[in-house]
Amino acid sequence: MPADALTPGDVVEVALGRVLPPGHEQAGTRPAVAVGVPSPPLRYPVLLVVPLTTQYGAWAEANQRVYPKLAAGAAGLRARSVALCDQIRTCDARRIRGYLGTLDEASYAAVQQGVREVLAL
């Protein structure tokens, strides 16, 4: 899927690959929210994504602004998910495996706020 076909707030299945040495970064194929879709011409087709996880714990509850919850069914998500706004990353468009859907305005606003919080914008 070409990066210029996406818009901020789209949820995509993305192959993030392995991280070596292993750490706390999200890896593997998982859903992610597109938060930055630069306009061409670019040197390479890339976008900024916020990975999602179905894991939930005290860490998410304690900082809901950085870890907004997304309901099952939102933008095609199969399960309740948490946006890991502290793990925003650049992703080559060739890593996109599929489009799941687009977040509603309120859900995407929560993800945007989480990114602002992490980046202190």
Protein backbone atom coordinates (compact mmCIF):
# COMPACT_ATOMS: atom_id res chain seq x y z
CA MET A 1 0.00 0.00 0.00
CA PRO A 2 1.51 3.35 -0.97
CA ALA A 3 2.08 5.77 1.89
CA ASP A 4 0.39 8.59 -0.02
CA ALA A 5 -2.86 6.56 -0.04
CA LEU A 6 -3.01 6.82 3.77
CA THR A 7 -4.22 9.65 5.97
CA PRO A 8 -3.46 10.38 9.61
CA GLY A 9 -5.75 8.29 11.79
CA ASP A 10 -5.70 5.25 9.50
CA VAL A 11 -4.99 1.97 11.25
CA VAL A 12 -2.73 -0.37 9.32
CA GLU A 13 -1.21 -3.78 9.87
CA VAL A 14 2.54 -3.19 9.78
CA ALA A 15 5.57 -5.49 9.94
CA LEU A 16 7.90 -3.82 12.42
CA GLY A 17 10.50 -6.58 12.25
CA ARG A 18 12.77 -7.75 15.03
CA VAL A 19 14.72 -5.46 17.31
CA LEU A 20 18.29 -6.46 18.11
CA PRO A 21 19.31 -6.59 20.80
CA PRO A 22 15.82 -7.24 22.18
CA GLY A 23 14.44 -4.48 24.35
CA HIS A 24 11.07 -3.03 25.17
CA GLU A 25 10.29 -1.78 21.65
CA GLN A 26 7.29 -3.28 19.89
CA ALA A 27 8.24 -5.74 17.16
CA GLY A 28 6.56 -8.15 14.80
CA THR A 29 3.47 -7.63 12.70
CA ARG A 30 0.83 -5.62 14.51
CA PRO A 31 -1.69 -2.84 14.03
CA ALA A 32 -0.49 0.73 14.22
CA VAL A 33 -2.02 4.18 13.81
CA ALA A 34 -0.59 6.37 11.05
CA VAL A 35 0.15 9.74 12.66
CA GLY A 36 2.47 11.26 10.09
CA VAL A 37 1.97 10.82 6.36
CA PRO A 38 4.40 13.16 4.62
CA SER A 39 3.48 14.46 1.18
CA PRO A 40 5.65 13.48 -1.78
CA PRO A 41 8.19 14.07 -3.09
CA LEU A 42 10.18 12.34 -0.40
CA ARG A 43 13.54 10.66 -0.53
CA TYR A 44 11.83 7.40 0.52
CA PRO A 45 8.15 6.55 1.11
CA VAL A 46 7.93 6.58 4.91
CA LEU A 47 5.32 7.38 7.53
CA LEU A 48 5.18 7.79 11.28
CA VAL A 49 3.19 5.20 13.20
CA VAL A 50 2.12 4.55 16.78
CA PRO A 51 2.14 0.79 17.47
CA LEU A 52 -0.84 -0.79 19.22
CA THR A 53 -0.94 -3.59 21.76
CA THR A 54 -3.70 -5.63 23.36
CA GLN A 55 -1.70 -5.80 26.60
CA TYR A 56 -3.04 -3.62 29.36
CA GLY A 57 -1.86 -3.03 32.88
CA ALA A 58 -1.32 -0.54 35.67
CA TRP A 59 1.17 1.31 33.44
CA ALA A 60 -1.63 2.15 30.97
CA GLU A 61 -4.12 3.07 33.66
CA ALA A 62 -1.60 5.34 35.41
CA ASN A 63 -0.88 7.36 32.26
CA GLN A 64 -3.96 7.29 30.03
CA ARG A 65 -2.83 10.37 28.12
CA VAL A 66 0.24 8.55 26.78
CA TYR A 67 -1.57 5.21 26.45
CA PRO A 68 -5.07 5.93 25.10
CA LYS A 69 -7.43 2.96 24.86
CA LEU A 70 -9.13 2.05 21.60
CA ALA A 71 -12.28 -0.05 21.67
CA ALA A 72 -12.58 -3.39 19.90
CA GLY A 73 -14.09 -2.75 16.49
CA ALA A 74 -12.66 0.77 16.22
CA ALA A 75 -11.03 1.12 12.80
CA GLY A 76 -11.25 -2.63 12.27
CA LEU A 77 -9.41 -3.62 15.45
CA ARG A 78 -10.25 -7.17 16.56
CA ALA A 79 -9.66 -6.49 20.26
CA ARG A 80 -9.44 -3.60 22.70
CA SER A 81 -6.07 -2.02 22.14
CA VAL A 82 -3.76 0.52 23.68
CA ALA A 83 -1.87 3.06 21.58
CA LEU A 84 1.78 3.12 22.66
CA CYS A 85 2.40 6.80 22.03
CA ASP A 86 5.82 6.53 23.67
CA GLN A 87 6.92 4.21 20.85
CA ILE A 88 6.24 6.39 17.81
CA ARG A 89 8.47 5.30 14.95
CA THR A 90 9.28 5.78 11.30
CA CYS A 91 8.10 3.00 9.03
CA ASP A 92 8.91 2.34 5.38
CA ALA A 93 5.66 2.08 3.39
CA ARG A 94 6.74 -1.36 2.15
CA ARG A 95 6.22 -2.66 5.71
CA ILE A 96 2.47 -2.04 5.52
CA ARG A 97 0.66 -5.34 5.20
CA GLY A 98 -2.89 -4.03 5.05
CA TYR A 99 -5.41 -1.36 5.90
CA LEU A 100 -7.77 -2.03 8.82
CA GLY A 101 -9.80 1.18 9.01
CA THR A 102 -9.82 4.79 10.14
CA LEU A 103 -10.23 5.98 13.73
CA ASP A 104 -13.10 8.29 14.54
CA GLU A 105 -12.21 11.90 15.34
CA ALA A 106 -12.28 11.49 19.14
CA SER A 107 -10.11 8.35 19.14
CA TYR A 108 -7.55 9.89 16.81
CA ALA A 109 -7.51 13.09 18.90
CA ALA A 110 -6.57 10.98 21.95
CA VAL A 111 -3.66 9.42 20.02
CA GLN A 112 -2.53 12.85 18.82
CA GLN A 113 -2.61 14.13 22.42
CA GLY A 114 -0.51 11.16 23.53
CA VAL A 115 2.10 11.90 20.87
CA ARG A 116 2.15 15.59 21.87
CA GLU A 117 2.61 14.56 25.50
CA VAL A 118 5.57 12.30 24.70
CA LEU A 119 7.22 14.82 22.39
CA ALA A 120 6.41 17.72 24.74
CA LEU A 121 4.72 19.67 21.93
